[in-house]
Amino acid sequence: MGDDALPPIVTPPITGQIDPLLDRLSWSKADLGRFFGVSRTQASQWAHGHTKISEPVKALFRYLKHAASVEAASVEASEGTSRGKTAQRKIKRRREGTLRLFGEAAHEAGVRGLIFARFGQAGRREDLPDRLLKPDEIKDIRERLGWIQAEMAAFFGVTHSTPGKWEAPDPGLNPAAQAGMIALREWSFRPGADPEEIRTLWETGLSAFLTETVQWNAGVLADR
């Protein structure tokens, strides 16, 4: 199989989903930029469709959106036995308050912090959220998955030459790609993981992996 034999997995645009989620979390464009490690200007350009959004960023945005939905559902379920208009107003206030807290926690911790909130219990304690993966660690992750670089590229939705750059002395992964790599490592290397499922996981793509395979463990972020 040639290194250029696998096209990157490209998912639909998220531009129209950005402002609604910011409203839901009570975030500003600056908060969104802080979360992804980019400027407010860059975040605004994403929201207005003025610049291309990378697949790792789209994947982690969807994961954030999914996490917010699960947190909201958890709050609503906790109020499920209440009745009447007063109870409905209480649910709304509780839901809004929870999402504000969730949003504050997430944008302060950043995208890698969100991943560690999900994987922190089983993850490696020495890997603090601000610790960057080294090139040899990235190569080790790929080789332990049994992937060639083209498969890694397809999974992350990047060009076939990008994983080679990640494994070079100056890898230059952005925070979203780093977060996706950490999630991939922790989920795939967990005890009892199915080797064949892991070997073919590259066909899933990062967005589907995070929102469908991994999903979100409700309440973890608030408890940490």
N, C-alpha and C. Protein backbone atom coordinates (compact mmCIF):
# COMPACT_ATOMS: atom_id res chain seq x y z
N MET A 1 0.86 -1.20 0.00
CA MET A 1 0.00 0.00 0.00
C MET A 1 0.88 1.24 0.00
N GLY A 2 0.72 2.12 -0.96
CA GLY A 2 1.49 3.34 -0.99
C GLY A 2 1.04 4.32 0.07
N ASP A 3 1.96 5.21 0.45
CA ASP A 3 1.63 6.18 1.49
C ASP A 3 0.54 7.13 1.05
N ASP A 4 0.32 7.25 -0.28
CA ASP A 4 -0.71 8.17 -0.76
C ASP A 4 -1.98 7.42 -1.17
N ALA A 5 -2.11 6.15 -0.73
CA ALA A 5 -3.23 5.33 -1.16
C ALA A 5 -4.51 5.60 -0.39
N LEU A 6 -4.40 6.25 0.75
CA LEU A 6 -5.56 6.46 1.61
C LEU A 6 -5.92 7.94 1.68
N PRO A 7 -7.09 8.31 1.20
CA PRO A 7 -7.50 9.72 1.32
C PRO A 7 -7.84 10.05 2.77
N PRO A 8 -7.62 11.28 3.22
CA PRO A 8 -8.00 11.65 4.59
C PRO A 8 -9.50 11.57 4.77
N ILE A 9 -9.93 11.18 5.95
CA ILE A 9 -11.36 11.14 6.27
C ILE A 9 -11.82 12.56 6.54
N VAL A 10 -12.68 13.08 5.67
CA VAL A 10 -13.16 14.46 5.76
C VAL A 10 -14.62 14.45 6.19
N THR A 11 -14.93 15.21 7.22
CA THR A 11 -16.28 15.27 7.78
C THR A 11 -16.97 16.57 7.39
N PRO A 12 -18.30 16.65 7.56
CA PRO A 12 -19.03 17.87 7.17
C PRO A 12 -18.57 19.10 7.95
N PRO A 13 -18.84 20.28 7.41
CA PRO A 13 -18.46 21.52 8.10
C PRO A 13 -19.17 21.68 9.44
N ILE A 14 -18.57 22.44 10.34
CA ILE A 14 -19.18 22.72 11.65
C ILE A 14 -19.47 24.20 11.84
N THR A 15 -19.20 25.02 10.82
CA THR A 15 -19.31 26.47 10.98
C THR A 15 -20.66 26.89 11.57
N GLY A 16 -21.75 26.36 11.07
CA GLY A 16 -23.07 26.75 11.56
C GLY A 16 -23.39 26.27 12.96
N GLN A 17 -22.56 25.38 13.52
CA GLN A 17 -22.79 24.86 14.86
C GLN A 17 -22.04 25.63 15.93
N ILE A 18 -21.12 26.49 15.53
CA ILE A 18 -20.24 27.14 16.50
C ILE A 18 -20.97 28.14 17.38
N ASP A 19 -21.65 29.11 16.77
CA ASP A 19 -22.33 30.13 17.57
C ASP A 19 -23.41 29.55 18.48
N PRO A 20 -24.25 28.59 18.03
CA PRO A 20 -25.23 28.01 18.94
C PRO A 20 -24.59 27.35 20.17
N LEU A 21 -23.46 26.67 19.98
CA LEU A 21 -22.81 26.04 21.13
C LEU A 21 -22.20 27.09 22.05
N LEU A 22 -21.65 28.15 21.48
CA LEU A 22 -21.11 29.22 22.32
C LEU A 22 -22.22 29.84 23.17
N ASP A 23 -23.39 30.05 22.58
CA ASP A 23 -24.52 30.58 23.35
C ASP A 23 -24.91 29.61 24.46
N ARG A 24 -24.91 28.35 24.15
CA ARG A 24 -25.31 27.33 25.13
C ARG A 24 -24.36 27.29 26.32
N LEU A 25 -23.06 27.47 26.03
CA LEU A 25 -22.05 27.41 27.08
C LEU A 25 -21.75 28.77 27.70
N SER A 26 -22.39 29.81 27.20
CA SER A 26 -22.09 31.18 27.64
C SER A 26 -20.61 31.51 27.41
N TRP A 27 -20.11 31.11 26.27
CA TRP A 27 -18.73 31.37 25.88
C TRP A 27 -18.67 32.52 24.90
N SER A 28 -17.54 33.21 24.89
CA SER A 28 -17.23 34.19 23.86
C SER A 28 -16.33 33.54 22.82
N LYS A 29 -16.06 34.27 21.75
CA LYS A 29 -15.10 33.76 20.76
C LYS A 29 -13.72 33.62 21.39
N ALA A 30 -13.40 34.52 22.33
CA ALA A 30 -12.11 34.42 23.02
C ALA A 30 -12.03 33.13 23.84
N ASP A 31 -13.15 32.74 24.47
CA ASP A 31 -13.18 31.47 25.22
C ASP A 31 -12.93 30.29 24.29
N LEU A 32 -13.58 30.33 23.12
CA LEU A 32 -13.39 29.25 22.15
C LEU A 32 -11.93 29.19 21.70
N GLY A 33 -11.36 30.37 21.43
CA GLY A 33 -9.95 30.41 21.03
C GLY A 33 -9.04 29.87 22.13
N ARG A 34 -9.32 30.24 23.39
CA ARG A 34 -8.51 29.75 24.50
C ARG A 34 -8.60 28.24 24.61
N PHE A 35 -9.80 27.71 24.41
CA PHE A 35 -10.01 26.26 24.49
C PHE A 35 -9.15 25.53 23.46
N PHE A 36 -9.09 26.05 22.22
CA PHE A 36 -8.35 25.39 21.15
C PHE A 36 -6.93 25.90 20.99
N GLY A 37 -6.52 26.83 21.84
CA GLY A 37 -5.16 27.33 21.77
C GLY A 37 -4.89 28.21 20.58
N VAL A 38 -5.92 28.96 20.13
CA VAL A 38 -5.77 29.88 19.01
C VAL A 38 -6.27 31.26 19.45
N SER A 39 -6.09 32.25 18.60
CA SER A 39 -6.52 33.61 18.93
C SER A 39 -8.03 33.77 18.79
N ARG A 40 -8.55 34.84 19.37
CA ARG A 40 -9.96 35.15 19.21
C ARG A 40 -10.28 35.39 17.73
N THR A 41 -9.35 36.03 17.03
CA THR A 41 -9.55 36.29 15.60
C THR A 41 -9.71 34.99 14.83
N GLN A 42 -8.87 34.01 15.14
CA GLN A 42 -8.96 32.72 14.47
C GLN A 42 -10.31 32.05 14.76
N ALA A 43 -10.74 32.11 16.02
CA ALA A 43 -12.03 31.51 16.39
C ALA A 43 -13.18 32.21 15.66
N SER A 44 -13.11 33.52 15.52
CA SER A 44 -14.14 34.27 14.80
C SER A 44 -14.17 33.88 13.33
N GLN A 45 -13.00 33.68 12.75
CA GLN A 45 -12.93 33.27 11.35
C GLN A 45 -13.55 31.89 11.16
N TRP A 46 -13.34 31.00 12.13
CA TRP A 46 -14.00 29.69 12.07
C TRP A 46 -15.52 29.86 12.05
N ALA A 47 -16.01 30.68 13.00
CA ALA A 47 -17.46 30.83 13.16
C ALA A 47 -18.11 31.45 11.93
N HIS A 48 -17.38 32.29 11.21
CA HIS A 48 -17.94 32.97 10.05
C HIS A 48 -17.58 32.27 8.74
N GLY A 49 -16.90 31.13 8.83
CA GLY A 49 -16.56 30.39 7.62
C GLY A 49 -15.50 31.04 6.76
N HIS A 50 -14.66 31.88 7.39
CA HIS A 50 -13.65 32.60 6.62
C HIS A 50 -12.34 31.84 6.49
N THR A 51 -12.20 30.75 7.20
CA THR A 51 -10.97 29.96 7.13
C THR A 51 -11.31 28.49 7.32
N LYS A 52 -10.48 27.64 6.76
CA LYS A 52 -10.69 26.20 6.85
C LYS A 52 -10.47 25.71 8.28
N ILE A 53 -11.31 24.81 8.72
CA ILE A 53 -11.16 24.22 10.05
C ILE A 53 -10.61 22.81 9.88
N SER A 54 -9.52 22.52 10.57
CA SER A 54 -8.89 21.21 10.43
C SER A 54 -9.77 20.10 11.00
N GLU A 55 -9.54 18.88 10.53
CA GLU A 55 -10.33 17.75 11.00
C GLU A 55 -10.16 17.49 12.50
N PRO A 56 -8.94 17.58 13.07
CA PRO A 56 -8.84 17.41 14.52
C PRO A 56 -9.65 18.45 15.31
N VAL A 57 -9.66 19.69 14.84
CA VAL A 57 -10.45 20.72 15.52
C VAL A 57 -11.94 20.40 15.40
N LYS A 58 -12.39 20.01 14.21
CA LYS A 58 -13.80 19.64 14.05
C LYS A 58 -14.17 18.47 14.95
N ALA A 59 -13.29 17.49 15.05
CA ALA A 59 -13.56 16.32 15.89
C ALA A 59 -13.68 16.70 17.36
N LEU A 60 -12.76 17.53 17.85
CA LEU A 60 -12.80 17.91 19.26
C LEU A 60 -13.95 18.88 19.54
N PHE A 61 -14.35 19.69 18.55
CA PHE A 61 -15.52 20.53 18.71
C PHE A 61 -16.76 19.66 18.88
N ARG A 62 -16.88 18.63 18.05
CA ARG A 62 -18.03 17.73 18.17
C ARG A 62 -18.04 17.01 19.52
N TYR A 63 -16.86 16.68 19.99
CA TYR A 63 -16.76 16.03 21.29
C TYR A 63 -17.22 16.97 22.40
N LEU A 64 -16.82 18.23 22.32
CA LEU A 64 -17.26 19.23 23.28
C LEU A 64 -18.78 19.38 23.23
N LYS A 65 -19.32 19.45 22.02
CA LYS A 65 -20.77 19.59 21.85
C LYS A 65 -21.51 18.38 22.43
N HIS A 66 -20.98 17.19 22.17
CA HIS A 66 -21.59 15.97 22.70
C HIS A 66 -21.52 15.97 24.23
N ALA A 67 -20.38 16.37 24.78
CA ALA A 67 -20.22 16.41 26.23
C ALA A 67 -21.21 17.37 26.86
N ALA A 68 -21.40 18.53 26.24
CA ALA A 68 -22.35 19.51 26.75
C ALA A 68 -23.77 18.96 26.73
N SER A 69 -24.12 18.22 25.67
CA SER A 69 -25.46 17.64 25.58
C SER A 69 -25.68 16.59 26.66
N VAL A 70 -24.65 15.78 26.92
CA VAL A 70 -24.78 14.75 27.97
C VAL A 70 -24.91 15.40 29.34
N GLU A 71 -24.13 16.44 29.58
CA GLU A 71 -24.22 17.14 30.86
C GLU A 71 -25.62 17.73 31.05
N ALA A 72 -26.17 18.31 29.99
CA ALA A 72 -27.51 18.89 30.07
C ALA A 72 -28.55 17.82 30.35
N ALA A 73 -28.43 16.67 29.65
CA ALA A 73 -29.38 15.59 29.86
C ALA A 73 -29.30 15.05 31.28
N SER A 74 -28.10 15.03 31.83
CA SER A 74 -27.92 14.54 33.20
C SER A 74 -28.64 15.43 34.19
N VAL A 75 -28.55 16.74 33.99
CA VAL A 75 -29.23 17.69 34.87
C VAL A 75 -30.74 17.53 34.74
N GLU A 76 -31.21 17.45 33.51
CA GLU A 76 -32.65 17.32 33.29
C GLU A 76 -33.18 16.02 33.91
N ALA A 77 -32.42 14.95 33.82
CA ALA A 77 -32.85 13.68 34.40
C ALA A 77 -32.93 13.76 35.92
N SER A 78 -32.01 14.52 36.52
CA SER A 78 -32.02 14.64 37.97
C SER A 78 -33.23 15.39 38.48
N GLU A 79 -33.87 16.17 37.61
CA GLU A 79 -35.06 16.92 37.98
C GLU A 79 -36.33 16.27 37.43
N GLY A 80 -36.21 15.05 36.94
CA GLY A 80 -37.30 14.42 36.21
C GLY A 80 -38.57 14.19 37.01
N THR A 81 -38.51 14.11 38.35
CA THR A 81 -39.70 13.84 39.14
C THR A 81 -40.49 15.09 39.48
N SER A 82 -39.93 16.26 39.17
CA SER A 82 -40.62 17.51 39.48
C SER A 82 -41.71 17.77 38.45
N ARG A 83 -42.73 18.53 38.87
CA ARG A 83 -43.83 18.82 37.97
C ARG A 83 -44.17 20.30 38.00
N GLY A 84 -44.90 20.72 36.92
CA GLY A 84 -45.43 22.07 36.90
C GLY A 84 -44.47 23.09 36.33
N LYS A 85 -45.01 24.31 36.13
CA LYS A 85 -44.22 25.37 35.53
C LYS A 85 -43.04 25.75 36.40
N THR A 86 -43.24 25.78 37.71
CA THR A 86 -42.14 26.13 38.61
C THR A 86 -40.99 25.15 38.46
N ALA A 87 -41.33 23.87 38.37
CA ALA A 87 -40.31 22.85 38.19
C ALA A 87 -39.58 23.03 36.85
N GLN A 88 -40.34 23.41 35.81
CA GLN A 88 -39.72 23.62 34.51
C GLN A 88 -38.73 24.78 34.55
N ARG A 89 -39.11 25.84 35.25
CA ARG A 89 -38.18 26.97 35.38
C ARG A 89 -36.95 26.55 36.16
N LYS A 90 -37.14 25.70 37.18
CA LYS A 90 -36.02 25.21 37.96
C LYS A 90 -35.07 24.38 37.10
N ILE A 91 -35.65 23.53 36.25
CA ILE A 91 -34.83 22.72 35.34
C ILE A 91 -34.01 23.62 34.43
N LYS A 92 -34.67 24.63 33.89
CA LYS A 92 -33.97 25.53 32.97
C LYS A 92 -32.83 26.23 33.68
N ARG A 93 -33.07 26.75 34.90
CA ARG A 93 -32.01 27.45 35.63
C ARG A 93 -30.87 26.49 35.95
N ARG A 94 -31.22 25.28 36.40
CA ARG A 94 -30.20 24.30 36.76
C ARG A 94 -29.38 23.91 35.53
N ARG A 95 -30.06 23.71 34.42
CA ARG A 95 -29.37 23.34 33.18
C ARG A 95 -28.42 24.44 32.74
N GLU A 96 -28.90 25.68 32.75
CA GLU A 96 -28.04 26.78 32.32
C GLU A 96 -26.85 26.94 33.25
N GLY A 97 -27.10 26.78 34.55
CA GLY A 97 -26.00 26.91 35.50
C GLY A 97 -24.95 25.83 35.32
N THR A 98 -25.40 24.60 35.08
CA THR A 98 -24.46 23.50 34.88
C THR A 98 -23.63 23.72 33.63
N LEU A 99 -24.27 24.16 32.55
CA LEU A 99 -23.54 24.37 31.31
C LEU A 99 -22.54 25.53 31.45
N ARG A 100 -22.90 26.55 32.24
CA ARG A 100 -21.94 27.63 32.45
C ARG A 100 -20.71 27.11 33.20
N LEU A 101 -20.95 26.30 34.23
CA LEU A 101 -19.83 25.73 34.97
C LEU A 101 -19.00 24.82 34.09
N PHE A 102 -19.69 24.01 33.29
CA PHE A 102 -18.99 23.12 32.37
C PHE A 102 -18.13 23.93 31.42
N GLY A 103 -18.73 24.98 30.87
CA GLY A 103 -18.00 25.80 29.91
C GLY A 103 -16.79 26.46 30.53
N GLU A 104 -16.93 26.99 31.72
CA GLU A 104 -15.81 27.63 32.39
C GLU A 104 -14.68 26.63 32.62
N ALA A 105 -15.04 25.45 33.10
CA ALA A 105 -14.03 24.43 33.35
C ALA A 105 -13.32 24.04 32.07
N ALA A 106 -14.10 23.88 31.00
CA ALA A 106 -13.52 23.41 29.75
C ALA A 106 -12.61 24.45 29.10
N HIS A 107 -13.05 25.70 29.04
CA HIS A 107 -12.20 26.65 28.31
C HIS A 107 -10.97 27.01 29.11
N GLU A 108 -11.02 26.91 30.43
CA GLU A 108 -9.82 27.16 31.23
C GLU A 108 -8.83 26.01 31.09
N ALA A 109 -9.32 24.78 31.04
CA ALA A 109 -8.44 23.62 30.93
C ALA A 109 -7.94 23.41 29.52
N GLY A 110 -8.70 23.87 28.52
CA GLY A 110 -8.32 23.68 27.14
C GLY A 110 -8.76 22.33 26.61
N VAL A 111 -8.52 22.13 25.32
CA VAL A 111 -9.01 20.93 24.67
C VAL A 111 -8.35 19.67 25.23
N ARG A 112 -7.07 19.74 25.58
CA ARG A 112 -6.43 18.57 26.18
C ARG A 112 -6.96 18.32 27.58
N GLY A 113 -7.34 19.38 28.29
CA GLY A 113 -7.95 19.21 29.60
C GLY A 113 -9.27 18.48 29.51
N LEU A 114 -10.02 18.74 28.46
CA LEU A 114 -11.29 18.04 28.27
C LEU A 114 -11.05 16.54 28.08
N ILE A 115 -10.02 16.20 27.30
CA ILE A 115 -9.69 14.79 27.10
C ILE A 115 -9.23 14.15 28.40
N PHE A 116 -8.43 14.85 29.17
CA PHE A 116 -7.97 14.29 30.44
C PHE A 116 -9.11 14.15 31.43
N ALA A 117 -10.12 15.00 31.32
CA ALA A 117 -11.29 14.85 32.19
C ALA A 117 -12.01 13.54 31.91
N ARG A 118 -11.97 13.11 30.66
CA ARG A 118 -12.61 11.85 30.27
C ARG A 118 -11.74 10.64 30.60
N PHE A 119 -10.43 10.78 30.38
CA PHE A 119 -9.53 9.64 30.49
C PHE A 119 -8.65 9.68 31.73
N GLY A 120 -8.82 10.70 32.57
CA GLY A 120 -7.90 10.89 33.69
C GLY A 120 -7.84 9.75 34.68
N GLN A 121 -8.97 9.08 34.92
CA GLN A 121 -8.99 8.01 35.91
C GLN A 121 -8.12 6.84 35.46
N ALA A 122 -8.17 6.53 34.17
CA ALA A 122 -7.41 5.39 33.67
C ALA A 122 -6.11 5.81 33.00
N GLY A 123 -5.96 7.12 32.77
CA GLY A 123 -4.80 7.60 32.04
C GLY A 123 -3.55 7.63 32.89
N ARG A 124 -2.45 7.99 32.26
CA ARG A 124 -1.17 8.05 32.94
C ARG A 124 -1.08 9.33 33.75
N ARG A 125 -0.88 9.21 35.04
CA ARG A 125 -0.91 10.38 35.92
C ARG A 125 0.22 11.37 35.63
N GLU A 126 1.34 10.86 35.08
CA GLU A 126 2.45 11.78 34.82
C GLU A 126 2.19 12.67 33.62
N ASP A 127 1.17 12.31 32.81
CA ASP A 127 0.85 13.10 31.63
C ASP A 127 -0.12 14.21 31.99
N LEU A 128 0.40 15.31 32.45
CA LEU A 128 -0.45 16.45 32.78
C LEU A 128 -1.02 17.02 31.48
N PRO A 129 -2.18 17.73 31.57
CA PRO A 129 -2.79 18.24 30.34
C PRO A 129 -1.90 19.13 29.50
N ASP A 130 -0.91 19.80 30.11
CA ASP A 130 -0.06 20.71 29.33
C ASP A 130 1.22 20.02 28.84
N ARG A 131 1.33 18.72 29.05
CA ARG A 131 2.51 18.00 28.62
C ARG A 131 2.35 17.59 27.16
N LEU A 132 3.31 17.96 26.32
CA LEU A 132 3.24 17.63 24.91
C LEU A 132 3.79 16.24 24.66
N LEU A 133 3.16 15.51 23.75
CA LEU A 133 3.68 14.22 23.34
C LEU A 133 4.95 14.44 22.52
N LYS A 134 5.93 13.59 22.75
CA LYS A 134 7.19 13.69 22.03
C LYS A 134 7.10 12.88 20.74
N PRO A 135 7.96 13.21 19.76
CA PRO A 135 7.91 12.48 18.48
C PRO A 135 8.02 10.97 18.64
N ASP A 136 8.92 10.49 19.52
CA ASP A 136 9.05 9.05 19.67
C ASP A 136 7.81 8.43 20.30
N GLU A 137 7.09 9.19 21.13
CA GLU A 137 5.84 8.70 21.70
C GLU A 137 4.76 8.59 20.64
N ILE A 138 4.73 9.56 19.74
CA ILE A 138 3.74 9.53 18.65
C ILE A 138 4.01 8.33 17.74
N LYS A 139 5.27 8.10 17.43
CA LYS A 139 5.62 6.94 16.61
C LYS A 139 5.26 5.64 17.33
N ASP A 140 5.50 5.59 18.64
CA ASP A 140 5.17 4.40 19.42
C ASP A 140 3.67 4.13 19.40
N ILE A 141 2.87 5.18 19.51
CA ILE A 141 1.41 5.02 19.46
C ILE A 141 1.02 4.40 18.12
N ARG A 142 1.54 4.96 17.03
CA ARG A 142 1.19 4.46 15.70
C ARG A 142 1.61 3.00 15.53
N GLU A 143 2.82 2.67 15.95
CA GLU A 143 3.31 1.31 15.76
C GLU A 143 2.58 0.31 16.65
N ARG A 144 2.20 0.72 17.85
CA ARG A 144 1.45 -0.19 18.72
C ARG A 144 0.04 -0.42 18.20
N LEU A 145 -0.47 0.54 17.43
CA LEU A 145 -1.76 0.36 16.78
C LEU A 145 -1.65 -0.55 15.55
N GLY A 146 -0.42 -0.74 15.08
CA GLY A 146 -0.21 -1.53 13.87
C GLY A 146 -0.52 -0.77 12.61
N TRP A 147 -0.41 0.57 12.65
CA TRP A 147 -0.76 1.41 11.52
C TRP A 147 0.49 1.86 10.76
N ILE A 148 0.34 2.04 9.46
CA ILE A 148 1.33 2.78 8.70
C ILE A 148 0.96 4.26 8.79
N GLN A 149 1.85 5.12 8.34
CA GLN A 149 1.60 6.56 8.47
C GLN A 149 0.36 6.98 7.68
N ALA A 150 0.10 6.34 6.56
CA ALA A 150 -1.08 6.70 5.77
C ALA A 150 -2.37 6.42 6.53
N GLU A 151 -2.38 5.36 7.32
CA GLU A 151 -3.57 5.05 8.12
C GLU A 151 -3.75 6.07 9.25
N MET A 152 -2.65 6.46 9.87
CA MET A 152 -2.72 7.51 10.88
C MET A 152 -3.24 8.80 10.26
N ALA A 153 -2.77 9.11 9.05
CA ALA A 153 -3.21 10.32 8.36
C ALA A 153 -4.70 10.27 8.06
N ALA A 154 -5.17 9.13 7.58
CA ALA A 154 -6.59 9.00 7.27
C ALA A 154 -7.43 9.19 8.52
N PHE A 155 -7.04 8.59 9.62
CA PHE A 155 -7.78 8.69 10.87
C PHE A 155 -7.92 10.13 11.33
N PHE A 156 -6.83 10.89 11.24
CA PHE A 156 -6.84 12.27 11.70
C PHE A 156 -7.32 13.25 10.63
N GLY A 157 -7.59 12.76 9.42
CA GLY A 157 -8.08 13.64 8.37
C GLY A 157 -7.06 14.63 7.86
N VAL A 158 -5.79 14.22 7.85
CA VAL A 158 -4.71 15.10 7.40
C VAL A 158 -4.04 14.48 6.17
N THR A 159 -3.16 15.22 5.52
CA THR A 159 -2.46 14.71 4.35
C THR A 159 -1.54 13.56 4.74
N HIS A 160 -1.22 12.71 3.78
CA HIS A 160 -0.47 11.49 4.09
C HIS A 160 0.93 11.77 4.62
N SER A 161 1.47 12.96 4.35
CA SER A 161 2.82 13.28 4.82
C SER A 161 2.85 13.85 6.24
N THR A 162 1.69 14.21 6.78
CA THR A 162 1.65 14.88 8.08
C THR A 162 2.16 14.00 9.24
N PRO A 163 1.76 12.73 9.36
CA PRO A 163 2.29 11.92 10.46
C PRO A 163 3.82 11.83 10.48
N GLY A 164 4.44 11.85 9.29
CA GLY A 164 5.89 11.85 9.24
C GLY A 164 6.46 13.10 9.88
N LYS A 165 5.78 14.23 9.71
CA LYS A 165 6.21 15.48 10.35
C LYS A 165 5.99 15.40 11.85
N TRP A 166 4.89 14.77 12.28
CA TRP A 166 4.62 14.61 13.71
C TRP A 166 5.71 13.80 14.40
N GLU A 167 6.29 12.85 13.66
CA GLU A 167 7.31 11.99 14.23
C GLU A 167 8.72 12.56 14.05
N ALA A 168 8.83 13.74 13.47
CA ALA A 168 10.11 14.41 13.27
C ALA A 168 10.52 15.12 14.57
N PRO A 169 11.76 15.61 14.66
CA PRO A 169 12.23 16.26 15.90
C PRO A 169 11.35 17.41 16.38
N ASP A 170 10.72 18.15 15.46
CA ASP A 170 9.84 19.25 15.84
C ASP A 170 8.44 18.93 15.33
N PRO A 171 7.65 18.15 16.11
CA PRO A 171 6.39 17.60 15.58
C PRO A 171 5.34 18.64 15.24
N GLY A 172 5.18 19.67 16.06
CA GLY A 172 4.25 20.73 15.72
C GLY A 172 2.79 20.35 15.73
N LEU A 173 2.39 19.38 16.54
CA LEU A 173 0.97 19.07 16.66
C LEU A 173 0.25 20.23 17.33
N ASN A 174 -0.92 20.61 16.79
CA ASN A 174 -1.72 21.62 17.47
C ASN A 174 -2.45 20.96 18.64
N PRO A 175 -2.99 21.76 19.57
CA PRO A 175 -3.64 21.17 20.76
C PRO A 175 -4.74 20.17 20.44
N ALA A 176 -5.52 20.42 19.38
CA ALA A 176 -6.60 19.48 19.03
C ALA A 176 -6.03 18.14 18.59
N ALA A 177 -4.99 18.15 17.77
CA ALA A 177 -4.37 16.90 17.34
C ALA A 177 -3.72 16.18 18.52
N GLN A 178 -3.09 16.94 19.42
CA GLN A 178 -2.52 16.35 20.63
C GLN A 178 -3.60 15.67 21.45
N ALA A 179 -4.72 16.34 21.63
CA ALA A 179 -5.81 15.78 22.43
C ALA A 179 -6.36 14.51 21.78
N GLY A 180 -6.52 14.55 20.47
CA GLY A 180 -7.00 13.36 19.77
C GLY A 180 -6.03 12.21 19.89
N MET A 181 -4.73 12.50 19.85
CA MET A 181 -3.71 11.46 19.97
C MET A 181 -3.75 10.83 21.37
N ILE A 182 -3.93 11.66 22.38
CA ILE A 182 -3.99 11.15 23.76
C ILE A 182 -5.23 10.26 23.94
N ALA A 183 -6.36 10.70 23.43
CA ALA A 183 -7.58 9.89 23.52
C ALA A 183 -7.40 8.55 22.82
N LEU A 184 -6.78 8.59 21.64
CA LEU A 184 -6.53 7.37 20.88
C LEU A 184 -5.63 6.42 21.65
N ARG A 185 -4.58 6.96 22.24
CA ARG A 185 -3.65 6.13 23.01
C ARG A 185 -4.33 5.48 24.21
N GLU A 186 -5.01 6.29 25.01
CA GLU A 186 -5.57 5.76 26.25
C GLU A 186 -6.68 4.75 25.99
N TRP A 187 -7.52 5.00 25.01
CA TRP A 187 -8.60 4.07 24.71
C TRP A 187 -8.06 2.78 24.11
N SER A 188 -7.11 2.90 23.19
CA SER A 188 -6.61 1.74 22.47
C SER A 188 -5.73 0.84 23.34
N PHE A 189 -5.02 1.42 24.30
CA PHE A 189 -4.08 0.65 25.11
C PHE A 189 -4.70 0.19 26.43
N ARG A 190 -6.00 0.35 26.57
CA ARG A 190 -6.64 -0.06 27.81
C ARG A 190 -6.63 -1.59 27.94
N PRO A 191 -6.67 -2.12 29.15
CA PRO A 191 -6.70 -3.57 29.33
C PRO A 191 -7.92 -4.19 28.64
N GLY A 192 -7.72 -5.28 27.98
CA GLY A 192 -8.82 -5.99 27.34
C GLY A 192 -9.23 -5.45 25.99
N ALA A 193 -8.50 -4.48 25.45
CA ALA A 193 -8.85 -3.93 24.14
C ALA A 193 -8.69 -5.00 23.07
N ASP A 194 -9.57 -5.00 22.09
CA ASP A 194 -9.56 -5.98 21.01
C ASP A 194 -8.53 -5.58 19.96
N PRO A 195 -7.47 -6.36 19.76
CA PRO A 195 -6.41 -5.98 18.81
C PRO A 195 -6.93 -5.77 17.39
N GLU A 196 -7.88 -6.60 16.95
CA GLU A 196 -8.38 -6.45 15.58
C GLU A 196 -9.21 -5.19 15.43
N GLU A 197 -10.01 -4.86 16.46
CA GLU A 197 -10.78 -3.62 16.43
C GLU A 197 -9.85 -2.42 16.37
N ILE A 198 -8.77 -2.49 17.14
CA ILE A 198 -7.80 -1.40 17.14
C ILE A 198 -7.10 -1.30 15.79
N ARG A 199 -6.76 -2.43 15.22
CA ARG A 199 -6.03 -2.42 13.94
C ARG A 199 -6.84 -1.74 12.84
N THR A 200 -8.15 -1.91 12.86
CA THR A 200 -8.99 -1.32 11.81
C THR A 200 -9.65 0.00 12.23
N LEU A 201 -9.25 0.51 13.38
CA LEU A 201 -9.87 1.72 13.89
C LEU A 201 -9.62 2.93 13.00
N TRP A 202 -8.53 2.89 12.22
CA TRP A 202 -8.22 4.03 11.37
C TRP A 202 -9.34 4.32 10.37
N GLU A 203 -10.16 3.30 10.06
CA GLU A 203 -11.26 3.49 9.13
C GLU A 203 -12.40 4.33 9.73
N THR A 204 -12.39 4.48 11.04
CA THR A 204 -13.47 5.19 11.74
C THR A 204 -13.34 6.70 11.60
N GLY A 205 -12.13 7.20 11.77
CA GLY A 205 -11.91 8.64 11.77
C GLY A 205 -12.05 9.21 13.16
N LEU A 206 -11.35 10.32 13.43
CA LEU A 206 -11.30 10.87 14.78
C LEU A 206 -12.66 11.35 15.27
N SER A 207 -13.45 12.01 14.41
CA SER A 207 -14.76 12.52 14.85
C SER A 207 -15.67 11.39 15.33
N ALA A 208 -15.80 10.34 14.52
CA ALA A 208 -16.66 9.22 14.89
C ALA A 208 -16.09 8.48 16.10
N PHE A 209 -14.77 8.39 16.17
CA PHE A 209 -14.13 7.72 17.31
C PHE A 209 -14.51 8.40 18.62
N LEU A 210 -14.44 9.71 18.66
CA LEU A 210 -14.70 10.45 19.90
C LEU A 210 -16.18 10.48 20.26
N THR A 211 -17.05 10.67 19.29
CA THR A 211 -18.47 10.85 19.61
C THR A 211 -19.28 9.56 19.60
N GLU A 212 -18.78 8.52 18.93
CA GLU A 212 -19.52 7.27 18.84
C GLU A 212 -18.83 6.11 19.56
N THR A 213 -17.52 5.98 19.39
CA THR A 213 -16.80 4.88 20.02
C THR A 213 -16.52 5.17 21.49
N VAL A 214 -15.91 6.31 21.75
CA VAL A 214 -15.56 6.69 23.12
C VAL A 214 -16.74 7.30 23.85
N GLN A 215 -17.43 8.23 23.20
CA GLN A 215 -18.54 9.00 23.79
C GLN A 215 -18.05 9.84 24.98
N TRP A 216 -18.96 10.18 25.87
CA TRP A 216 -18.59 11.05 26.98
C TRP A 216 -19.09 10.44 28.29
N ASN A 217 -18.22 10.43 29.28
CA ASN A 217 -18.58 9.89 30.59
C ASN A 217 -19.19 11.01 31.41
N ALA A 218 -20.50 11.06 31.48
CA ALA A 218 -21.22 12.17 32.12
C ALA A 218 -20.76 12.36 33.56
N GLY A 219 -20.52 13.60 33.93
CA GLY A 219 -20.20 13.93 35.31
C GLY A 219 -18.73 13.92 35.64
N VAL A 220 -17.89 13.34 34.78
CA VAL A 220 -16.48 13.24 35.10
C VAL A 220 -15.83 14.61 35.22
N LEU A 221 -16.14 15.48 34.27
CA LEU A 221 -15.51 16.80 34.27
C LEU A 221 -15.85 17.57 35.53
N ALA A 222 -17.11 17.51 35.94
CA ALA A 222 -17.52 18.26 37.12
C ALA A 222 -16.92 17.71 38.40
N ASP A 223 -16.61 16.41 38.41
CA ASP A 223 -16.11 15.76 39.62
C ASP A 223 -14.61 15.97 39.82
N ARG A 224 -13.90 16.38 38.79
CA ARG A 224 -12.45 16.46 38.88
C ARG A 224 -11.98 17.84 39.31
